[in-house]
Amino acid sequence: MLTLSIGLLGTRCATPKEEHVHGEASPIKTYPKDYVHSLTEINLEKVIDENRGLKVLEENARTVHDYYRGGVQEKAEGERLMKEGKWEEARTHLEKSNRFLQVVLDYFPKDEAYRNLYGDHVVIFLPNLLIADNYLKVVRIYHKLKMDDEIYWAARDGKKFLSFSLRSVKTEWGFQIKKGFEEASPKR
């Protein structure tokens, strides 16, 4: 009898809490297939802001979200170092970002403008686009370092990830990266 009453009390306490959580969670917007997300809606600064917090180290990453956050954090560090003109260090962080993000792609191969992670926590989720942007930055670094032999391969890989991204979700940011590859790639 005691077990039954505790069991009923436990389910009564859990039910309102679940309803409350689901009641406040706003549904994710859906967009037409050809919708292009603007730069004001989806951009690197927003992605970086969403992934601030404790630094994710490769050896401590356990979930796909950890790897995504770690990839964004490494990208942010690489961007900062590029602004300071520290090309080799920036390249190292951008490559590390790509390693993190490629783990994410093993589980979720498609980009999404907005992905619900848990509860009502929604983030801009663009691992393919972030990798493509990293490769574009690496191409620019190779230009600075006069590593012309490496430019072709980095551009090829970056364009591949960009095409995966644009198949899933169209963004002005993606089209800017595409234009960046056209301008930065050597003509063959």
C-alpha atoms as a PDB file:
ATOM      1  CA  MET A   1       0.000   0.000   0.000  1.00  0.00           C
ATOM      2  CA  LEU A   2       2.830   2.365   0.892  1.00  0.00           C
ATOM      3  CA  THR A   3       4.625   1.611  -2.400  1.00  0.00           C
ATOM      4  CA  LEU A   4       1.462   2.255  -4.389  1.00  0.00           C
ATOM      5  CA  SER A   5       0.806   5.620  -2.717  1.00  0.00           C
ATOM      6  CA  ILE A   6       4.416   6.758  -3.216  1.00  0.00           C
ATOM      7  CA  GLY A   7       4.224   5.684  -6.859  1.00  0.00           C
ATOM      8  CA  LEU A   8       1.018   7.665  -7.406  1.00  0.00           C
ATOM      9  CA  LEU A   9       2.422  10.686  -5.596  1.00  0.00           C
ATOM     10  CA  GLY A  10       5.558  10.545  -7.782  1.00  0.00           C
ATOM     11  CA  THR A  11       3.579  10.473 -11.031  1.00  0.00           C
ATOM     12  CA  ARG A  12       1.335  13.313  -9.899  1.00  0.00           C
ATOM     13  CA  CYS A  13       4.416  15.448  -9.196  1.00  0.00           C
ATOM     14  CA  ALA A  14       6.070  14.599 -12.502  1.00  0.00           C
ATOM     15  CA  THR A  15       3.070  15.209 -14.744  1.00  0.00           C
ATOM     16  CA  PRO A  16       2.535  18.938 -14.149  1.00  0.00           C
ATOM     17  CA  LYS A  17       6.261  19.558 -14.538  1.00  0.00           C
ATOM     18  CA  GLU A  18       6.319  17.846 -17.958  1.00  0.00           C
ATOM     19  CA  GLU A  19       3.248  19.742 -19.115  1.00  0.00           C
ATOM     20  CA  HIS A  20       4.823  22.982 -17.969  1.00  0.00           C
ATOM     21  CA  VAL A  21       8.031  22.345 -19.906  1.00  0.00           C
ATOM     22  CA  HIS A  22       6.210  21.340 -23.075  1.00  0.00           C
ATOM     23  CA  GLY A  23       3.721  24.192 -22.741  1.00  0.00           C
ATOM     24  CA  GLU A  24       6.479  26.821 -22.768  1.00  0.00           C
ATOM     25  CA  ALA A  25       8.596  25.296 -25.499  1.00  0.00           C
ATOM     26  CA  SER A  26       8.021  27.257 -28.665  1.00  0.00           C
ATOM     27  CA  PRO A  27       7.801  25.200 -31.847  1.00  0.00           C
ATOM     28  CA  ILE A  28      10.655  25.461 -34.318  1.00  0.00           C
ATOM     29  CA  LYS A  29       9.724  27.472 -37.366  1.00  0.00           C
ATOM     30  CA  THR A  30       9.644  25.663 -40.664  1.00  0.00           C
ATOM     31  CA  TYR A  31      10.768  27.327 -43.863  1.00  0.00           C
ATOM     32  CA  PRO A  32      10.138  26.603 -47.538  1.00  0.00           C
ATOM     33  CA  LYS A  33      12.931  24.582 -49.194  1.00  0.00           C
ATOM     34  CA  ASP A  34      14.161  27.542 -51.268  1.00  0.00           C
ATOM     35  CA  TYR A  35      14.098  30.061 -48.375  1.00  0.00           C
ATOM     36  CA  VAL A  36      17.392  31.947 -47.954  1.00  0.00           C
ATOM     37  CA  HIS A  37      18.224  32.885 -44.370  1.00  0.00           C
ATOM     38  CA  SER A  38      19.609  36.412 -44.171  1.00  0.00           C
ATOM     39  CA  LEU A  39      22.897  37.426 -42.568  1.00  0.00           C
ATOM     40  CA  THR A  40      21.008  39.281 -39.851  1.00  0.00           C
ATOM     41  CA  GLU A  41      19.205  36.035 -39.008  1.00  0.00           C
ATOM     42  CA  ILE A  42      22.155  33.603 -39.245  1.00  0.00           C
ATOM     43  CA  ASN A  43      25.767  34.747 -38.949  1.00  0.00           C
ATOM     44  CA  LEU A  44      29.050  33.753 -37.345  1.00  0.00           C
ATOM     45  CA  GLU A  45      28.707  36.145 -34.397  1.00  0.00           C
ATOM     46  CA  LYS A  46      25.365  34.593 -33.401  1.00  0.00           C
ATOM     47  CA  VAL A  47      26.780  31.084 -33.686  1.00  0.00           C
ATOM     48  CA  ILE A  48      29.773  32.038 -31.517  1.00  0.00           C
ATOM     49  CA  ASP A  49      27.539  33.751 -28.929  1.00  0.00           C
ATOM     50  CA  GLU A  50      25.342  30.651 -28.658  1.00  0.00           C
ATOM     51  CA  ASN A  51      28.377  28.476 -27.923  1.00  0.00           C
ATOM     52  CA  ARG A  52      30.208  30.568 -25.343  1.00  0.00           C
ATOM     53  CA  GLY A  53      30.927  29.026 -21.983  1.00  0.00           C
ATOM     54  CA  LEU A  54      33.414  26.609 -20.559  1.00  0.00           C
ATOM     55  CA  LYS A  55      36.021  25.643 -23.119  1.00  0.00           C
ATOM     56  CA  VAL A  56      35.422  22.191 -24.552  1.00  0.00           C
ATOM     57  CA  LEU A  57      38.586  20.104 -24.824  1.00  0.00           C
ATOM     58  CA  GLU A  58      38.728  17.136 -27.215  1.00  0.00           C
ATOM     59  CA  GLU A  59      39.444  14.713 -24.392  1.00  0.00           C
ATOM     60  CA  ASN A  60      36.422  15.964 -22.421  1.00  0.00           C
ATOM     61  CA  ALA A  61      33.876  16.051 -25.259  1.00  0.00           C
ATOM     62  CA  ARG A  62      31.225  13.376 -24.731  1.00  0.00           C
ATOM     63  CA  THR A  63      28.094  14.436 -26.623  1.00  0.00           C
ATOM     64  CA  VAL A  64      27.493  15.701 -30.133  1.00  0.00           C
ATOM     65  CA  HIS A  65      26.617  19.078 -28.599  1.00  0.00           C
ATOM     66  CA  ASP A  66      30.022  19.141 -26.860  1.00  0.00           C
ATOM     67  CA  TYR A  67      31.770  18.519 -30.173  1.00  0.00           C
ATOM     68  CA  TYR A  68      29.693  21.192 -31.922  1.00  0.00           C
ATOM     69  CA  ARG A  69      30.391  23.729 -29.174  1.00  0.00           C
ATOM     70  CA  GLY A  70      34.092  22.811 -29.182  1.00  0.00           C
ATOM     71  CA  GLY A  71      34.224  23.243 -32.962  1.00  0.00           C
ATOM     72  CA  VAL A  72      32.633  26.679 -32.741  1.00  0.00           C
ATOM     73  CA  GLN A  73      34.948  27.714 -29.898  1.00  0.00           C
ATOM     74  CA  GLU A  74      38.055  26.628 -31.830  1.00  0.00           C
ATOM     75  CA  LYS A  75      36.760  28.505 -34.885  1.00  0.00           C
ATOM     76  CA  ALA A  76      36.280  31.646 -32.787  1.00  0.00           C
ATOM     77  CA  GLU A  77      39.867  31.362 -31.540  1.00  0.00           C
ATOM     78  CA  GLY A  78      41.148  30.872 -35.100  1.00  0.00           C
ATOM     79  CA  GLU A  79      39.211  33.952 -36.266  1.00  0.00           C
ATOM     80  CA  ARG A  80      40.706  36.007 -33.432  1.00  0.00           C
ATOM     81  CA  LEU A  81      44.236  34.896 -34.282  1.00  0.00           C
ATOM     82  CA  MET A  82      43.711  35.692 -37.979  1.00  0.00           C
ATOM     83  CA  LYS A  83      42.794  39.272 -37.048  1.00  0.00           C
ATOM     84  CA  GLU A  84      46.072  39.463 -35.130  1.00  0.00           C
ATOM     85  CA  GLY A  85      48.003  38.128 -38.130  1.00  0.00           C
ATOM     86  CA  LYS A  86      49.098  34.912 -36.374  1.00  0.00           C
ATOM     87  CA  TRP A  87      48.589  32.739 -39.430  1.00  0.00           C
ATOM     88  CA  GLU A  88      50.052  29.397 -38.308  1.00  0.00           C
ATOM     89  CA  GLU A  89      48.304  29.475 -34.942  1.00  0.00           C
ATOM     90  CA  ALA A  90      45.020  30.441 -36.616  1.00  0.00           C
ATOM     91  CA  ARG A  91      45.349  27.572 -39.096  1.00  0.00           C
ATOM     92  CA  THR A  92      45.917  25.110 -36.236  1.00  0.00           C
ATOM     93  CA  HIS A  93      42.715  26.229 -34.475  1.00  0.00           C
ATOM     94  CA  LEU A  94      40.661  26.162 -37.684  1.00  0.00           C
ATOM     95  CA  GLU A  95      41.860  22.619 -38.413  1.00  0.00           C
ATOM     96  CA  LYS A  96      41.041  21.578 -34.853  1.00  0.00           C
ATOM     97  CA  SER A  97      37.586  23.112 -35.312  1.00  0.00           C
ATOM     98  CA  ASN A  98      37.124  20.959 -38.411  1.00  0.00           C
ATOM     99  CA  ARG A  99      38.064  17.803 -36.462  1.00  0.00           C
ATOM    100  CA  PHE A 100      35.423  18.603 -33.835  1.00  0.00           C
ATOM    101  CA  LEU A 101      32.778  19.378 -36.451  1.00  0.00           C
ATOM    102  CA  GLN A 102      33.469  16.248 -38.492  1.00  0.00           C
ATOM    103  CA  VAL A 103      32.563  14.165 -35.429  1.00  0.00           C
ATOM    104  CA  VAL A 104      29.237  16.032 -35.359  1.00  0.00           C
ATOM    105  CA  LEU A 105      28.665  15.190 -39.025  1.00  0.00           C
ATOM    106  CA  ASP A 106      29.043  11.470 -38.246  1.00  0.00           C
ATOM    107  CA  TYR A 107      25.778  11.745 -36.297  1.00  0.00           C
ATOM    108  CA  PHE A 108      23.956  14.667 -37.953  1.00  0.00           C
ATOM    109  CA  PRO A 109      25.126  15.066 -41.570  1.00  0.00           C
ATOM    110  CA  LYS A 110      22.686  17.834 -42.529  1.00  0.00           C
ATOM    111  CA  ASP A 111      22.793  21.490 -41.577  1.00  0.00           C
ATOM    112  CA  GLU A 112      19.700  23.020 -40.012  1.00  0.00           C
ATOM    113  CA  ALA A 113      18.923  26.688 -39.583  1.00  0.00           C
ATOM    114  CA  TYR A 114      17.644  25.945 -36.091  1.00  0.00           C
ATOM    115  CA  ARG A 115      18.075  22.668 -34.222  1.00  0.00           C
ATOM    116  CA  ASN A 116      16.346  21.794 -30.988  1.00  0.00           C
ATOM    117  CA  LEU A 117      18.986  20.308 -28.711  1.00  0.00           C
ATOM    118  CA  TYR A 118      16.912  19.604 -25.616  1.00  0.00           C
ATOM    119  CA  GLY A 119      13.856  21.130 -23.989  1.00  0.00           C
ATOM    120  CA  ASP A 120      13.376  24.536 -25.540  1.00  0.00           C
ATOM    121  CA  HIS A 121      17.098  25.066 -26.241  1.00  0.00           C
ATOM    122  CA  VAL A 122      17.454  25.816 -29.966  1.00  0.00           C
ATOM    123  CA  VAL A 123      20.719  26.699 -31.734  1.00  0.00           C
ATOM    124  CA  ILE A 124      21.876  27.610 -35.214  1.00  0.00           C
ATOM    125  CA  PHE A 125      23.278  24.256 -36.373  1.00  0.00           C
ATOM    126  CA  LEU A 126      25.507  24.502 -39.439  1.00  0.00           C
ATOM    127  CA  PRO A 127      28.507  22.142 -39.105  1.00  0.00           C
ATOM    128  CA  ASN A 128      29.001  21.790 -42.880  1.00  0.00           C
ATOM    129  CA  LEU A 129      28.922  25.548 -43.368  1.00  0.00           C
ATOM    130  CA  LEU A 130      31.330  26.144 -40.482  1.00  0.00           C
ATOM    131  CA  ILE A 131      33.787  23.626 -41.962  1.00  0.00           C
ATOM    132  CA  ALA A 132      33.467  25.275 -45.387  1.00  0.00           C
ATOM    133  CA  ASP A 133      34.132  28.691 -43.826  1.00  0.00           C
ATOM    134  CA  ASN A 134      37.145  27.258 -41.983  1.00  0.00           C
ATOM    135  CA  TYR A 135      38.548  25.931 -45.268  1.00  0.00           C
ATOM    136  CA  LEU A 136      38.016  29.332 -46.912  1.00  0.00           C
ATOM    137  CA  LYS A 137      39.977  30.933 -44.066  1.00  0.00           C
ATOM    138  CA  VAL A 138      42.704  28.277 -44.461  1.00  0.00           C
ATOM    139  CA  VAL A 139      42.877  29.068 -48.199  1.00  0.00           C
ATOM    140  CA  ARG A 140      43.427  32.740 -47.311  1.00  0.00           C
ATOM    141  CA  ILE A 141      46.113  31.757 -44.799  1.00  0.00           C
ATOM    142  CA  TYR A 142      47.854  29.645 -47.450  1.00  0.00           C
ATOM    143  CA  HIS A 143      47.847  32.695 -49.743  1.00  0.00           C
ATOM    144  CA  LYS A 144      49.518  34.742 -46.980  1.00  0.00           C
ATOM    145  CA  LEU A 145      52.086  32.000 -46.302  1.00  0.00           C
ATOM    146  CA  LYS A 146      52.745  31.452 -50.029  1.00  0.00           C
ATOM    147  CA  MET A 147      51.716  27.778 -49.773  1.00  0.00           C
ATOM    148  CA  ASP A 148      50.212  27.670 -53.247  1.00  0.00           C
ATOM    149  CA  ASP A 149      50.326  23.864 -53.539  1.00  0.00           C
ATOM    150  CA  GLU A 150      47.945  23.509 -50.573  1.00  0.00           C
ATOM    151  CA  ILE A 151      45.340  26.017 -51.797  1.00  0.00           C
ATOM    152  CA  TYR A 152      43.739  23.702 -54.338  1.00  0.00           C
ATOM    153  CA  TRP A 153      43.108  20.901 -51.816  1.00  0.00           C
ATOM    154  CA  ALA A 154      41.733  23.167 -49.106  1.00  0.00           C
ATOM    155  CA  ALA A 155      39.443  24.900 -51.616  1.00  0.00           C
ATOM    156  CA  ARG A 156      38.248  21.551 -52.983  1.00  0.00           C
ATOM    157  CA  ASP A 157      37.374  20.250 -49.516  1.00  0.00           C
ATOM    158  CA  GLY A 158      35.741  23.523 -48.533  1.00  0.00           C
ATOM    159  CA  LYS A 159      33.563  23.577 -51.660  1.00  0.00           C
ATOM    160  CA  LYS A 160      32.456  20.003 -50.921  1.00  0.00           C
ATOM    161  CA  PHE A 161      31.247  20.909 -47.429  1.00  0.00           C
ATOM    162  CA  LEU A 162      29.663  24.105 -48.751  1.00  0.00           C
ATOM    163  CA  SER A 163      27.630  22.090 -51.273  1.00  0.00           C
ATOM    164  CA  PHE A 164      26.436  19.768 -48.467  1.00  0.00           C
ATOM    165  CA  SER A 165      25.372  22.802 -46.458  1.00  0.00           C
ATOM    166  CA  LEU A 166      23.543  24.563 -49.283  1.00  0.00           C
ATOM    167  CA  ARG A 167      21.650  21.346 -50.098  1.00  0.00           C
ATOM    168  CA  SER A 168      20.262  21.325 -46.551  1.00  0.00           C
ATOM    169  CA  VAL A 169      19.695  25.016 -45.845  1.00  0.00           C
ATOM    170  CA  LYS A 170      20.315  28.128 -47.906  1.00  0.00           C
ATOM    171  CA  THR A 171      21.912  31.107 -46.196  1.00  0.00           C
ATOM    172  CA  GLU A 172      23.350  34.405 -47.376  1.00  0.00           C
ATOM    173  CA  TRP A 173      26.411  33.444 -45.352  1.00  0.00           C
ATOM    174  CA  GLY A 174      26.778  30.287 -47.464  1.00  0.00           C
ATOM    175  CA  PHE A 175      26.505  32.285 -50.685  1.00  0.00           C
ATOM    176  CA  GLN A 176      29.181  34.682 -49.366  1.00  0.00           C
ATOM    177  CA  ILE A 177      31.479  31.724 -48.724  1.00  0.00           C
ATOM    178  CA  LYS A 178      30.801  30.450 -52.252  1.00  0.00           C
ATOM    179  CA  LYS A 179      31.803  33.845 -53.645  1.00  0.00           C
ATOM    180  CA  GLY A 180      34.879  33.816 -51.395  1.00  0.00           C
ATOM    181  CA  PHE A 181      36.000  30.487 -52.853  1.00  0.00           C
ATOM    182  CA  GLU A 182      35.497  31.807 -56.382  1.00  0.00           C
ATOM    183  CA  GLU A 183      37.693  34.815 -55.617  1.00  0.00           C
ATOM    184  CA  ALA A 184      40.370  32.970 -53.600  1.00  0.00           C
ATOM    185  CA  SER A 185      40.804  29.806 -55.632  1.00  0.00           C
ATOM    186  CA  PRO A 186      43.478  29.667 -58.282  1.00  0.00           C
ATOM    187  CA  LYS A 187      42.155  29.453 -61.823  1.00  0.00           C
ATOM    188  CA  ARG A 188      42.985  26.109 -63.428  1.00  0.00           C
END
